[in-house]
Amino acid sequence: MNLSGRVKKLVIIVGESDKVYQRPLFEAIIYAAKKYKMSGVTITRGVMSYGEKSLLHSSKIFALSEDKPVIVSLVDVGDRLKDFALIINRLLDKANAGGLITIEDVEVLRYGEHYE
């Protein structure tokens, strides 16, 4: 797929310990993205976070929870991402997980990989 110009970015934030189908939720999301032929996915681990209930998530000794955030980012055309967000929302329900799902406008300046 040639991805350029104005597109959308889907960002999903879940807990590192969230599980669905006996695997980490973030792993299930990336395999779902591959199955639905999304343009690409990047998963990063956060250091600290808090959300709806203001519960601090961190790996520090005195933190209330060690369930660090995992950020899943996808860039693709808007309609595909909106459809995929519905799938992810059901996956979060299945995992009985909280989380955050957002879509924002981005501009792709370069898309592609270089291999030698």
PDB file of N, CA and C in Angstrom:
ATOM      1  N   MET A   1       0.842  -1.176   0.000  1.00  0.00           N
ATOM      2  CA  MET A   1       0.000   0.000   0.000  1.00  0.00           C
ATOM      3  C   MET A   1       0.884   1.235   0.000  1.00  0.00           C
ATOM      4  N   ASN A   2       0.543   2.199  -0.806  1.00  0.00           N
ATOM      5  CA  ASN A   2       1.248   3.472  -0.828  1.00  0.00           C
ATOM      6  C   ASN A   2       0.521   4.433   0.105  1.00  0.00           C
ATOM      7  N   LEU A   3       1.174   4.811   1.150  1.00  0.00           N
ATOM      8  CA  LEU A   3       0.564   5.665   2.158  1.00  0.00           C
ATOM      9  C   LEU A   3       1.264   7.013   2.131  1.00  0.00           C
ATOM     10  N   SER A   4       0.525   8.065   1.788  1.00  0.00           N
ATOM     11  CA  SER A   4       1.125   9.393   1.751  1.00  0.00           C
ATOM     12  C   SER A   4       0.059  10.456   1.966  1.00  0.00           C
ATOM     13  N   GLY A   5       0.527  11.646   2.309  1.00  0.00           N
ATOM     14  CA  GLY A   5      -0.381  12.768   2.494  1.00  0.00           C
ATOM     15  C   GLY A   5      -1.159  12.677   3.792  1.00  0.00           C
ATOM     16  N   ARG A   6      -2.335  13.258   3.778  1.00  0.00           N
ATOM     17  CA  ARG A   6      -3.182  13.311   4.981  1.00  0.00           C
ATOM     18  C   ARG A   6      -3.877  11.976   5.212  1.00  0.00           C
ATOM     19  N   VAL A   7      -3.598  11.387   6.371  1.00  0.00           N
ATOM     20  CA  VAL A   7      -4.205  10.119   6.775  1.00  0.00           C
ATOM     21  C   VAL A   7      -4.574  10.231   8.251  1.00  0.00           C
ATOM     22  N   LYS A   8      -4.886   9.126   8.879  1.00  0.00           N
ATOM     23  CA  LYS A   8      -5.274   9.103  10.296  1.00  0.00           C
ATOM     24  C   LYS A   8      -4.318   8.216  11.077  1.00  0.00           C
ATOM     25  N   LYS A   9      -4.246   8.497  12.377  1.00  0.00           N
ATOM     26  CA  LYS A   9      -3.476   7.642  13.282  1.00  0.00           C
ATOM     27  C   LYS A   9      -4.409   7.183  14.394  1.00  0.00           C
ATOM     28  N   LEU A  10      -4.457   5.883  14.583  1.00  0.00           N
ATOM     29  CA  LEU A  10      -5.228   5.270  15.656  1.00  0.00           C
ATOM     30  C   LEU A  10      -4.260   4.952  16.784  1.00  0.00           C
ATOM     31  N   VAL A  11      -4.586   5.405  17.984  1.00  0.00           N
ATOM     32  CA  VAL A  11      -3.755   5.129  19.158  1.00  0.00           C
ATOM     33  C   VAL A  11      -4.604   4.389  20.176  1.00  0.00           C
ATOM     34  N   ILE A  12      -4.084   3.262  20.646  1.00  0.00           N
ATOM     35  CA  ILE A  12      -4.769   2.432  21.634  1.00  0.00           C
ATOM     36  C   ILE A  12      -3.828   2.295  22.824  1.00  0.00           C
ATOM     37  N   ILE A  13      -4.318   2.622  24.010  1.00  0.00           N
ATOM     38  CA  ILE A  13      -3.504   2.475  25.216  1.00  0.00           C
ATOM     39  C   ILE A  13      -4.180   1.452  26.121  1.00  0.00           C
ATOM     40  N   VAL A  14      -3.436   0.409  26.444  1.00  0.00           N
ATOM     41  CA  VAL A  14      -3.935  -0.659  27.312  1.00  0.00           C
ATOM     42  C   VAL A  14      -2.885  -0.952  28.372  1.00  0.00           C
ATOM     43  N   GLY A  15      -3.229  -1.786  29.332  1.00  0.00           N
ATOM     44  CA  GLY A  15      -2.285  -2.193  30.364  1.00  0.00           C
ATOM     45  C   GLY A  15      -1.417  -3.350  29.888  1.00  0.00           C
ATOM     46  N   GLU A  16      -0.187  -3.351  30.334  1.00  0.00           N
ATOM     47  CA  GLU A  16       0.758  -4.396  29.944  1.00  0.00           C
ATOM     48  C   GLU A  16       0.287  -5.788  30.372  1.00  0.00           C
ATOM     49  N   SER A  17      -0.457  -5.875  31.470  1.00  0.00           N
ATOM     50  CA  SER A  17      -0.884  -7.178  31.967  1.00  0.00           C
ATOM     51  C   SER A  17      -2.258  -7.604  31.441  1.00  0.00           C
ATOM     52  N   ASP A  18      -2.924  -6.757  30.640  1.00  0.00           N
ATOM     53  CA  ASP A  18      -4.221  -7.138  30.070  1.00  0.00           C
ATOM     54  C   ASP A  18      -4.052  -8.331  29.134  1.00  0.00           C
ATOM     55  N   LYS A  19      -4.956  -9.294  29.267  1.00  0.00           N
ATOM     56  CA  LYS A  19      -4.865 -10.504  28.446  1.00  0.00           C
ATOM     57  C   LYS A  19      -6.201 -10.801  27.781  1.00  0.00           C
ATOM     58  N   VAL A  20      -6.126 -11.429  26.596  1.00  0.00           N
ATOM     59  CA  VAL A  20      -7.294 -11.925  25.894  1.00  0.00           C
ATOM     60  C   VAL A  20      -6.864 -13.193  25.161  1.00  0.00           C
ATOM     61  N   TYR A  21      -7.701 -14.223  25.208  1.00  0.00           N
ATOM     62  CA  TYR A  21      -7.367 -15.509  24.578  1.00  0.00           C
ATOM     63  C   TYR A  21      -6.007 -16.038  25.052  1.00  0.00           C
ATOM     64  N   GLN A  22      -5.707 -15.921  26.338  1.00  0.00           N
ATOM     65  CA  GLN A  22      -4.487 -16.409  26.973  1.00  0.00           C
ATOM     66  C   GLN A  22      -3.201 -15.785  26.397  1.00  0.00           C
ATOM     67  N   ARG A  23      -3.283 -14.592  25.827  1.00  0.00           N
ATOM     68  CA  ARG A  23      -2.094 -13.895  25.334  1.00  0.00           C
ATOM     69  C   ARG A  23      -2.219 -12.422  25.703  1.00  0.00           C
ATOM     70  N   PRO A  24      -1.102 -11.698  25.711  1.00  0.00           N
ATOM     71  CA  PRO A  24      -1.189 -10.268  26.008  1.00  0.00           C
ATOM     72  C   PRO A  24      -2.105  -9.555  25.003  1.00  0.00           C
ATOM     73  N   LEU A  25      -2.912  -8.644  25.515  1.00  0.00           N
ATOM     74  CA  LEU A  25      -3.858  -7.914  24.672  1.00  0.00           C
ATOM     75  C   LEU A  25      -3.148  -7.164  23.557  1.00  0.00           C
ATOM     76  N   PHE A  26      -2.014  -6.529  23.867  1.00  0.00           N
ATOM     77  CA  PHE A  26      -1.303  -5.776  22.824  1.00  0.00           C
ATOM     78  C   PHE A  26      -0.818  -6.691  21.708  1.00  0.00           C
ATOM     79  N   GLU A  27      -0.482  -7.923  22.051  1.00  0.00           N
ATOM     80  CA  GLU A  27      -0.061  -8.898  21.041  1.00  0.00           C
ATOM     81  C   GLU A  27      -1.249  -9.306  20.165  1.00  0.00           C
ATOM     82  N   ALA A  28      -2.401  -9.502  20.771  1.00  0.00           N
ATOM     83  CA  ALA A  28      -3.610  -9.822  20.003  1.00  0.00           C
ATOM     84  C   ALA A  28      -3.966  -8.690  19.053  1.00  0.00           C
ATOM     85  N   ILE A  29      -3.748  -7.441  19.484  1.00  0.00           N
ATOM     86  CA  ILE A  29      -4.038  -6.288  18.623  1.00  0.00           C
ATOM     87  C   ILE A  29      -3.128  -6.279  17.408  1.00  0.00           C
ATOM     88  N   ILE A  30      -1.845  -6.541  17.597  1.00  0.00           N
ATOM     89  CA  ILE A  30      -0.929  -6.498  16.445  1.00  0.00           C
ATOM     90  C   ILE A  30      -1.225  -7.629  15.462  1.00  0.00           C
ATOM     91  N   TYR A  31      -1.603  -8.803  15.967  1.00  0.00           N
ATOM     92  CA  TYR A  31      -1.955  -9.888  15.058  1.00  0.00           C
ATOM     93  C   TYR A  31      -3.267  -9.600  14.323  1.00  0.00           C
ATOM     94  N   ALA A  32      -4.199  -8.945  14.997  1.00  0.00           N
ATOM     95  CA  ALA A  32      -5.441  -8.535  14.327  1.00  0.00           C
ATOM     96  C   ALA A  32      -5.140  -7.512  13.241  1.00  0.00           C
ATOM     97  N   ALA A  33      -4.238  -6.576  13.513  1.00  0.00           N
ATOM     98  CA  ALA A  33      -3.864  -5.568  12.516  1.00  0.00           C
ATOM     99  C   ALA A  33      -3.221  -6.219  11.296  1.00  0.00           C
ATOM    100  N   LYS A  34      -2.395  -7.205  11.532  1.00  0.00           N
ATOM    101  CA  LYS A  34      -1.756  -7.925  10.409  1.00  0.00           C
ATOM    102  C   LYS A  34      -2.805  -8.680   9.602  1.00  0.00           C
ATOM    103  N   LYS A  35      -3.734  -9.314  10.296  1.00  0.00           N
ATOM    104  CA  LYS A  35      -4.796 -10.057   9.618  1.00  0.00           C
ATOM    105  C   LYS A  35      -5.639  -9.134   8.739  1.00  0.00           C
ATOM    106  N   TYR A  36      -5.935  -7.925   9.224  1.00  0.00           N
ATOM    107  CA  TYR A  36      -6.755  -6.981   8.472  1.00  0.00           C
ATOM    108  C   TYR A  36      -5.929  -6.091   7.550  1.00  0.00           C
ATOM    109  N   LYS A  37      -4.640  -6.449   7.379  1.00  0.00           N
ATOM    110  CA  LYS A  37      -3.749  -5.788   6.434  1.00  0.00           C
ATOM    111  C   LYS A  37      -3.647  -4.279   6.643  1.00  0.00           C
ATOM    112  N   MET A  38      -3.511  -3.892   7.916  1.00  0.00           N
ATOM    113  CA  MET A  38      -3.283  -2.493   8.223  1.00  0.00           C
ATOM    114  C   MET A  38      -1.886  -2.112   7.729  1.00  0.00           C
ATOM    115  N   SER A  39      -1.661  -0.846   7.455  1.00  0.00           N
ATOM    116  CA  SER A  39      -0.389  -0.398   6.869  1.00  0.00           C
ATOM    117  C   SER A  39       0.817  -0.673   7.750  1.00  0.00           C
ATOM    118  N   GLY A  40       0.640  -0.657   9.044  1.00  0.00           N
ATOM    119  CA  GLY A  40       1.738  -0.919   9.961  1.00  0.00           C
ATOM    120  C   GLY A  40       1.327  -0.597  11.377  1.00  0.00           C
ATOM    121  N   VAL A  41       2.042  -1.164  12.319  1.00  0.00           N
ATOM    122  CA  VAL A  41       1.726  -0.984  13.736  1.00  0.00           C
ATOM    123  C   VAL A  41       3.031  -0.836  14.511  1.00  0.00           C
ATOM    124  N   THR A  42       3.023   0.031  15.492  1.00  0.00           N
ATOM    125  CA  THR A  42       4.144   0.148  16.410  1.00  0.00           C
ATOM    126  C   THR A  42       3.600   0.043  17.827  1.00  0.00           C
ATOM    127  N   ILE A  43       4.279  -0.766  18.641  1.00  0.00           N
ATOM    128  CA  ILE A  43       3.894  -0.912  20.040  1.00  0.00           C
ATOM    129  C   ILE A  43       5.053  -0.421  20.890  1.00  0.00           C
ATOM    130  N   THR A  44       4.723   0.468  21.841  1.00  0.00           N
ATOM    131  CA  THR A  44       5.740   0.969  22.764  1.00  0.00           C
ATOM    132  C   THR A  44       5.238   0.793  24.200  1.00  0.00           C
ATOM    133  N   ARG A  45       6.189   0.621  25.094  1.00  0.00           N
ATOM    134  CA  ARG A  45       5.848   0.501  26.509  1.00  0.00           C
ATOM    135  C   ARG A  45       6.037   1.852  27.179  1.00  0.00           C
ATOM    136  N   GLY A  46       5.075   2.236  27.980  1.00  0.00           N
ATOM    137  CA  GLY A  46       5.172   3.476  28.727  1.00  0.00           C
ATOM    138  C   GLY A  46       5.886   3.254  30.045  1.00  0.00           C
ATOM    139  N   VAL A  47       6.339   4.329  30.635  1.00  0.00           N
ATOM    140  CA  VAL A  47       7.045   4.265  31.900  1.00  0.00           C
ATOM    141  C   VAL A  47       6.084   4.464  33.069  1.00  0.00           C
ATOM    142  N   MET A  48       5.175   5.434  32.920  1.00  0.00           N
ATOM    143  CA  MET A  48       4.195   5.727  33.966  1.00  0.00           C
ATOM    144  C   MET A  48       2.919   6.212  33.314  1.00  0.00           C
ATOM    145  N   SER A  49       1.809   6.038  34.013  1.00  0.00           N
ATOM    146  CA  SER A  49       0.543   6.571  33.513  1.00  0.00           C
ATOM    147  C   SER A  49      -0.480   6.606  34.642  1.00  0.00           C
ATOM    148  N   TYR A  50      -1.565   7.307  34.382  1.00  0.00           N
ATOM    149  CA  TYR A  50      -2.765   7.163  35.183  1.00  0.00           C
ATOM    150  C   TYR A  50      -3.926   7.454  34.266  1.00  0.00           C
ATOM    151  N   GLY A  51      -5.084   6.946  34.619  1.00  0.00           N
ATOM    152  CA  GLY A  51      -6.240   7.083  33.747  1.00  0.00           C
ATOM    153  C   GLY A  51      -7.472   7.505  34.505  1.00  0.00           C
ATOM    154  N   GLU A  52      -8.591   6.944  34.095  1.00  0.00           N
ATOM    155  CA  GLU A  52      -9.917   7.325  34.570  1.00  0.00           C
ATOM    156  C   GLU A  52     -10.022   7.370  36.098  1.00  0.00           C
ATOM    157  N   LYS A  53      -9.437   6.392  36.768  1.00  0.00           N
ATOM    158  CA  LYS A  53      -9.564   6.311  38.232  1.00  0.00           C
ATOM    159  C   LYS A  53      -8.381   6.927  38.963  1.00  0.00           C
ATOM    160  N   SER A  54      -7.492   7.594  38.241  1.00  0.00           N
ATOM    161  CA  SER A  54      -6.301   8.254  38.799  1.00  0.00           C
ATOM    162  C   SER A  54      -5.379   7.303  39.540  1.00  0.00           C
ATOM    163  N   LEU A  55      -5.427   6.015  39.219  1.00  0.00           N
ATOM    164  CA  LEU A  55      -4.528   5.036  39.809  1.00  0.00           C
ATOM    165  C   LEU A  55      -3.202   5.103  39.064  1.00  0.00           C
ATOM    166  N   LEU A  56      -2.125   5.336  39.777  1.00  0.00           N
ATOM    167  CA  LEU A  56      -0.814   5.486  39.178  1.00  0.00           C
ATOM    168  C   LEU A  56      -0.262   4.119  38.782  1.00  0.00           C
ATOM    169  N   HIS A  57       0.166   3.998  37.526  1.00  0.00           N
ATOM    170  CA  HIS A  57       0.764   2.765  37.008  1.00  0.00           C
ATOM    171  C   HIS A  57       2.239   3.043  36.747  1.00  0.00           C
ATOM    172  N   SER A  58       3.108   2.252  37.388  1.00  0.00           N
ATOM    173  CA  SER A  58       4.540   2.486  37.276  1.00  0.00           C
ATOM    174  C   SER A  58       5.295   1.247  37.724  1.00  0.00           C
ATOM    175  N   SER A  59       6.569   1.194  37.380  1.00  0.00           N
ATOM    176  CA  SER A  59       7.402   0.096  37.871  1.00  0.00           C
ATOM    177  C   SER A  59       8.154   0.486  39.135  1.00  0.00           C
ATOM    178  N   LYS A  60       7.898   1.685  39.653  1.00  0.00           N
ATOM    179  CA  LYS A  60       8.554   2.113  40.886  1.00  0.00           C
ATOM    180  C   LYS A  60       8.050   1.290  42.073  1.00  0.00           C
ATOM    181  N   ILE A  61       8.858   1.149  43.080  1.00  0.00           N
ATOM    182  CA  ILE A  61       8.543   0.327  44.248  1.00  0.00           C
ATOM    183  C   ILE A  61       7.285   0.805  44.964  1.00  0.00           C
ATOM    184  N   PHE A  62       7.090   2.105  45.101  1.00  0.00           N
ATOM    185  CA  PHE A  62       5.976   2.634  45.878  1.00  0.00           C
ATOM    186  C   PHE A  62       4.729   2.919  45.043  1.00  0.00           C
ATOM    187  N   ALA A  63       4.730   2.556  43.781  1.00  0.00           N
ATOM    188  CA  ALA A  63       3.550   2.785  42.948  1.00  0.00           C
ATOM    189  C   ALA A  63       2.431   1.836  43.367  1.00  0.00           C
ATOM    190  N   LEU A  64       1.202   2.246  43.122  1.00  0.00           N
ATOM    191  CA  LEU A  64       0.060   1.415  43.497  1.00  0.00           C
ATOM    192  C   LEU A  64      -0.134   0.234  42.547  1.00  0.00           C
ATOM    193  N   SER A  65       0.343   0.351  41.326  1.00  0.00           N
ATOM    194  CA  SER A  65       0.168  -0.712  40.346  1.00  0.00           C
ATOM    195  C   SER A  65       1.396  -0.797  39.451  1.00  0.00           C
ATOM    196  N   GLU A  66       1.823  -2.003  39.124  1.00  0.00           N
ATOM    197  CA  GLU A  66       2.940  -2.181  38.205  1.00  0.00           C
ATOM    198  C   GLU A  66       2.467  -2.457  36.789  1.00  0.00           C
ATOM    199  N   ASP A  67       1.204  -2.291  36.520  1.00  0.00           N
ATOM    200  CA  ASP A  67       0.628  -2.531  35.189  1.00  0.00           C
ATOM    201  C   ASP A  67       0.923  -1.338  34.296  1.00  0.00           C
ATOM    202  N   LYS A  68       2.123  -1.310  33.723  1.00  0.00           N
ATOM    203  CA  LYS A  68       2.548  -0.172  32.912  1.00  0.00           C
ATOM    204  C   LYS A  68       1.725  -0.072  31.630  1.00  0.00           C
ATOM    205  N   PRO A  69       1.654   1.142  31.061  1.00  0.00           N
ATOM    206  CA  PRO A  69       0.886   1.318  29.836  1.00  0.00           C
ATOM    207  C   PRO A  69       1.614   0.762  28.621  1.00  0.00           C
ATOM    208  N   VAL A  70       0.840   0.287  27.657  1.00  0.00           N
ATOM    209  CA  VAL A  70       1.350  -0.125  26.355  1.00  0.00           C
ATOM    210  C   VAL A  70       0.596   0.697  25.326  1.00  0.00           C
ATOM    211  N   ILE A  71       1.342   1.360  24.442  1.00  0.00           N
ATOM    212  CA  ILE A  71       0.746   2.236  23.437  1.00  0.00           C
ATOM    213  C   ILE A  71       0.879   1.573  22.076  1.00  0.00           C
ATOM    214  N   VAL A  72      -0.259   1.366  21.421  1.00  0.00           N
ATOM    215  CA  VAL A  72      -0.303   0.760  20.092  1.00  0.00           C
ATOM    216  C   VAL A  72      -0.687   1.863  19.118  1.00  0.00           C
ATOM    217  N   SER A  73       0.164   2.118  18.119  1.00  0.00           N
ATOM    218  CA  SER A  73      -0.094   3.174  17.132  1.00  0.00           C
ATOM    219  C   SER A  73      -0.185   2.576  15.741  1.00  0.00           C
ATOM    220  N   LEU A  74      -1.241   2.963  15.013  1.00  0.00           N
ATOM    221  CA  LEU A  74      -1.432   2.523  13.634  1.00  0.00           C
ATOM    222  C   LEU A  74      -1.698   3.740  12.769  1.00  0.00           C
ATOM    223  N   VAL A  75      -1.134   3.766  11.581  1.00  0.00           N
ATOM    224  CA  VAL A  75      -1.404   4.837  10.628  1.00  0.00           C
ATOM    225  C   VAL A  75      -1.966   4.199   9.367  1.00  0.00           C
ATOM    226  N   ASP A  76      -3.101   4.719   8.906  1.00  0.00           N
ATOM    227  CA  ASP A  76      -3.756   4.192   7.695  1.00  0.00           C
ATOM    228  C   ASP A  76      -4.805   5.216   7.267  1.00  0.00           C
ATOM    229  N   VAL A  77      -5.565   4.884   6.256  1.00  0.00           N
ATOM    230  CA  VAL A  77      -6.638   5.784   5.825  1.00  0.00           C
ATOM    231  C   VAL A  77      -7.771   5.723   6.848  1.00  0.00           C
ATOM    232  N   GLY A  78      -8.507   6.828   6.972  1.00  0.00           N
ATOM    233  CA  GLY A  78      -9.487   7.005   8.025  1.00  0.00           C
ATOM    234  C   GLY A  78     -10.543   5.931   8.132  1.00  0.00           C
ATOM    235  N   ASP A  79     -11.171   5.540   7.010  1.00  0.00           N
ATOM    236  CA  ASP A  79     -12.252   4.556   7.063  1.00  0.00           C
ATOM    237  C   ASP A  79     -11.766   3.206   7.575  1.00  0.00           C
ATOM    238  N   ARG A  80     -10.578   2.801   7.139  1.00  0.00           N
ATOM    239  CA  ARG A  80     -10.032   1.519   7.603  1.00  0.00           C
ATOM    240  C   ARG A  80      -9.763   1.554   9.099  1.00  0.00           C
ATOM    241  N   LEU A  81      -9.243   2.675   9.588  1.00  0.00           N
ATOM    242  CA  LEU A  81      -8.945   2.782  11.015  1.00  0.00           C
ATOM    243  C   LEU A  81     -10.209   2.819  11.858  1.00  0.00           C
ATOM    244  N   LYS A  82     -11.237   3.500  11.381  1.00  0.00           N
ATOM    245  CA  LYS A  82     -12.494   3.540  12.132  1.00  0.00           C
ATOM    246  C   LYS A  82     -13.106   2.148  12.240  1.00  0.00           C
ATOM    247  N   ASP A  83     -13.063   1.384  11.145  1.00  0.00           N
ATOM    248  CA  ASP A  83     -13.563   0.008  11.175  1.00  0.00           C
ATOM    249  C   ASP A  83     -12.729  -0.849  12.130  1.00  0.00           C
ATOM    250  N   PHE A  84     -11.411  -0.673  12.066  1.00  0.00           N
ATOM    251  CA  PHE A  84     -10.523  -1.451  12.925  1.00  0.00           C
ATOM    252  C   PHE A  84     -10.721  -1.074  14.396  1.00  0.00           C
ATOM    253  N   ALA A  85     -10.997   0.196  14.677  1.00  0.00           N
ATOM    254  CA  ALA A  85     -11.238   0.636  16.056  1.00  0.00           C
ATOM    255  C   ALA A  85     -12.450  -0.073  16.656  1.00  0.00           C
ATOM    256  N   LEU A  86     -13.454  -0.350  15.841  1.00  0.00           N
ATOM    257  CA  LEU A  86     -14.627  -1.095  16.328  1.00  0.00           C
ATOM    258  C   LEU A  86     -14.238  -2.515  16.725  1.00  0.00           C
ATOM    259  N   ILE A  87     -13.373  -3.127  15.935  1.00  0.00           N
ATOM    260  CA  ILE A  87     -12.885  -4.477  16.240  1.00  0.00           C
ATOM    261  C   ILE A  87     -12.095  -4.458  17.544  1.00  0.00           C
ATOM    262  N   ILE A  88     -11.240  -3.464  17.699  1.00  0.00           N
ATOM    263  CA  ILE A  88     -10.424  -3.358  18.908  1.00  0.00           C
ATOM    264  C   ILE A  88     -11.295  -3.103  20.128  1.00  0.00           C
ATOM    265  N   ASN A  89     -12.328  -2.299  19.971  1.00  0.00           N
ATOM    266  CA  ASN A  89     -13.242  -2.035  21.081  1.00  0.00           C
ATOM    267  C   ASN A  89     -13.882  -3.333  21.569  1.00  0.00           C
ATOM    268  N   ARG A  90     -14.279  -4.202  20.652  1.00  0.00           N
ATOM    269  CA  ARG A  90     -14.846  -5.500  21.035  1.00  0.00           C
ATOM    270  C   ARG A  90     -13.791  -6.379  21.703  1.00  0.00           C
ATOM    271  N   LEU A  91     -12.553  -6.291  21.227  1.00  0.00           N
ATOM    272  CA  LEU A  91     -11.461  -7.066  21.814  1.00  0.00           C
ATOM    273  C   LEU A  91     -11.198  -6.610  23.255  1.00  0.00           C
ATOM    274  N   LEU A  92     -11.244  -5.310  23.505  1.00  0.00           N
ATOM    275  CA  LEU A  92     -11.083  -4.792  24.862  1.00  0.00           C
ATOM    276  C   LEU A  92     -12.232  -5.259  25.758  1.00  0.00           C
ATOM    277  N   ASP A  93     -13.455  -5.289  25.215  1.00  0.00           N
ATOM    278  CA  ASP A  93     -14.596  -5.805  25.980  1.00  0.00           C
ATOM    279  C   ASP A  93     -14.372  -7.270  26.330  1.00  0.00           C
ATOM    280  N   LYS A  94     -13.902  -8.051  25.361  1.00  0.00           N
ATOM    281  CA  LYS A  94     -13.655  -9.483  25.570  1.00  0.00           C
ATOM    282  C   LYS A  94     -12.594  -9.690  26.656  1.00  0.00           C
ATOM    283  N   ALA A  95     -11.592  -8.802  26.673  1.00  0.00           N
ATOM    284  CA  ALA A  95     -10.513  -8.898  27.657  1.00  0.00           C
ATOM    285  C   ALA A  95     -10.917  -8.304  28.999  1.00  0.00           C
ATOM    286  N   ASN A  96     -12.106  -7.693  29.047  1.00  0.00           N
ATOM    287  CA  ASN A  96     -12.563  -6.993  30.250  1.00  0.00           C
ATOM    288  C   ASN A  96     -11.513  -5.979  30.698  1.00  0.00           C
ATOM    289  N   ALA A  97     -10.974  -5.255  29.695  1.00  0.00           N
ATOM    290  CA  ALA A  97      -9.890  -4.308  29.937  1.00  0.00           C
ATOM    291  C   ALA A  97     -10.385  -2.881  29.782  1.00  0.00           C
ATOM    292  N   GLY A  98      -9.761  -1.987  30.504  1.00  0.00           N
ATOM    293  CA  GLY A  98      -9.988  -0.564  30.288  1.00  0.00           C
ATOM    294  C   GLY A  98      -9.196  -0.146  29.074  1.00  0.00           C
ATOM    295  N   GLY A  99      -8.823   1.089  29.018  1.00  0.00           N
ATOM    296  CA  GLY A  99      -7.999   1.541  27.918  1.00  0.00           C
ATOM    297  C   GLY A  99      -8.511   2.829  27.319  1.00  0.00           C
ATOM    298  N   LEU A 100      -7.825   3.270  26.302  1.00  0.00           N
ATOM    299  CA  LEU A 100      -8.170   4.492  25.595  1.00  0.00           C
ATOM    300  C   LEU A 100      -7.944   4.257  24.115  1.00  0.00           C
ATOM    301  N   ILE A 101      -8.887   4.692  23.291  1.00  0.00           N
ATOM    302  CA  ILE A 101      -8.761   4.594  21.836  1.00  0.00           C
ATOM    303  C   ILE A 101      -9.001   5.985  21.275  1.00  0.00           C
ATOM    304  N   THR A 102      -8.045   6.490  20.487  1.00  0.00           N
ATOM    305  CA  THR A 102      -8.203   7.794  19.850  1.00  0.00           C
ATOM    306  C   THR A 102      -7.842   7.705  18.375  1.00  0.00           C
ATOM    307  N   ILE A 103      -8.390   8.634  17.595  1.00  0.00           N
ATOM    308  CA  ILE A 103      -8.020   8.781  16.187  1.00  0.00           C
ATOM    309  C   ILE A 103      -7.687  10.243  15.962  1.00  0.00           C
ATOM    310  N   GLU A 104      -6.567  10.481  15.285  1.00  0.00           N
ATOM    311  CA  GLU A 104      -6.158  11.853  15.009  1.00  0.00           C
ATOM    312  C   GLU A 104      -5.661  11.982  13.571  1.00  0.00           C
ATOM    313  N   ASP A 105      -5.677  13.210  13.052  1.00  0.00           N
ATOM    314  CA  ASP A 105      -5.170  13.490  11.714  1.00  0.00           C
ATOM    315  C   ASP A 105      -3.648  13.572  11.751  1.00  0.00           C
ATOM    316  N   VAL A 106      -3.006  12.966  10.762  1.00  0.00           N
ATOM    317  CA  VAL A 106      -1.554  13.074  10.608  1.00  0.00           C
ATOM    318  C   VAL A 106      -1.234  13.245   9.126  1.00  0.00           C
ATOM    319  N   GLU A 107      -0.028  13.666   8.852  1.00  0.00           N
ATOM    320  CA  GLU A 107       0.436  13.771   7.474  1.00  0.00           C
ATOM    321  C   GLU A 107       1.662  12.895   7.312  1.00  0.00           C
ATOM    322  N   VAL A 108       1.607  11.969   6.359  1.00  0.00           N
ATOM    323  CA  VAL A 108       2.721  11.067   6.107  1.00  0.00           C
ATOM    324  C   VAL A 108       3.701  11.757   5.164  1.00  0.00           C
ATOM    325  N   LEU A 109       4.945  11.884   5.607  1.00  0.00           N
ATOM    326  CA  LEU A 109       5.987  12.464   4.790  1.00  0.00           C
ATOM    327  C   LEU A 109       6.827  11.387   4.106  1.00  0.00           C
ATOM    328  N   ARG A 110       6.905  10.235   4.748  1.00  0.00           N
ATOM    329  CA  ARG A 110       7.639   9.103   4.159  1.00  0.00           C
ATOM    330  C   ARG A 110       7.053   7.823   4.708  1.00  0.00           C
ATOM    331  N   TYR A 111       6.868   6.848   3.844  1.00  0.00           N
ATOM    332  CA  TYR A 111       6.378   5.534   4.250  1.00  0.00           C
ATOM    333  C   TYR A 111       7.109   4.488   3.442  1.00  0.00           C
ATOM    334  N   GLY A 112       7.778   3.608   4.111  1.00  0.00           N
ATOM    335  CA  GLY A 112       8.507   2.552   3.422  1.00  0.00           C
ATOM    336  C   GLY A 112       9.704   2.128   4.229  1.00  0.00           C
ATOM    337  N   GLU A 113      10.198   0.966   3.888  1.00  0.00           N
ATOM    338  CA  GLU A 113      11.356   0.417   4.582  1.00  0.00           C
ATOM    339  C   GLU A 113      12.477   0.193   3.593  1.00  0.00           C
ATOM    340  N   HIS A 114      13.685   0.286   4.064  1.00  0.00           N
ATOM    341  CA  HIS A 114      14.848   0.071   3.221  1.00  0.00           C
ATOM    342  C   HIS A 114      15.597  -1.141   3.727  1.00  0.00           C
ATOM    343  N   TYR A 115      15.748  -2.127   2.878  1.00  0.00           N
ATOM    344  CA  TYR A 115      16.487  -3.341   3.247  1.00  0.00           C
ATOM    345  C   TYR A 115      17.615  -3.529   2.251  1.00  0.00           C
ATOM    346  N   GLU A 116      18.778  -3.974   2.753  1.00  0.00           N
ATOM    347  CA  GLU A 116      19.905  -4.273   1.870  1.00  0.00           C
ATOM    348  C   GLU A 116      20.193  -5.735   1.862  1.00  0.00           C
TER     349      GLU A 116
END
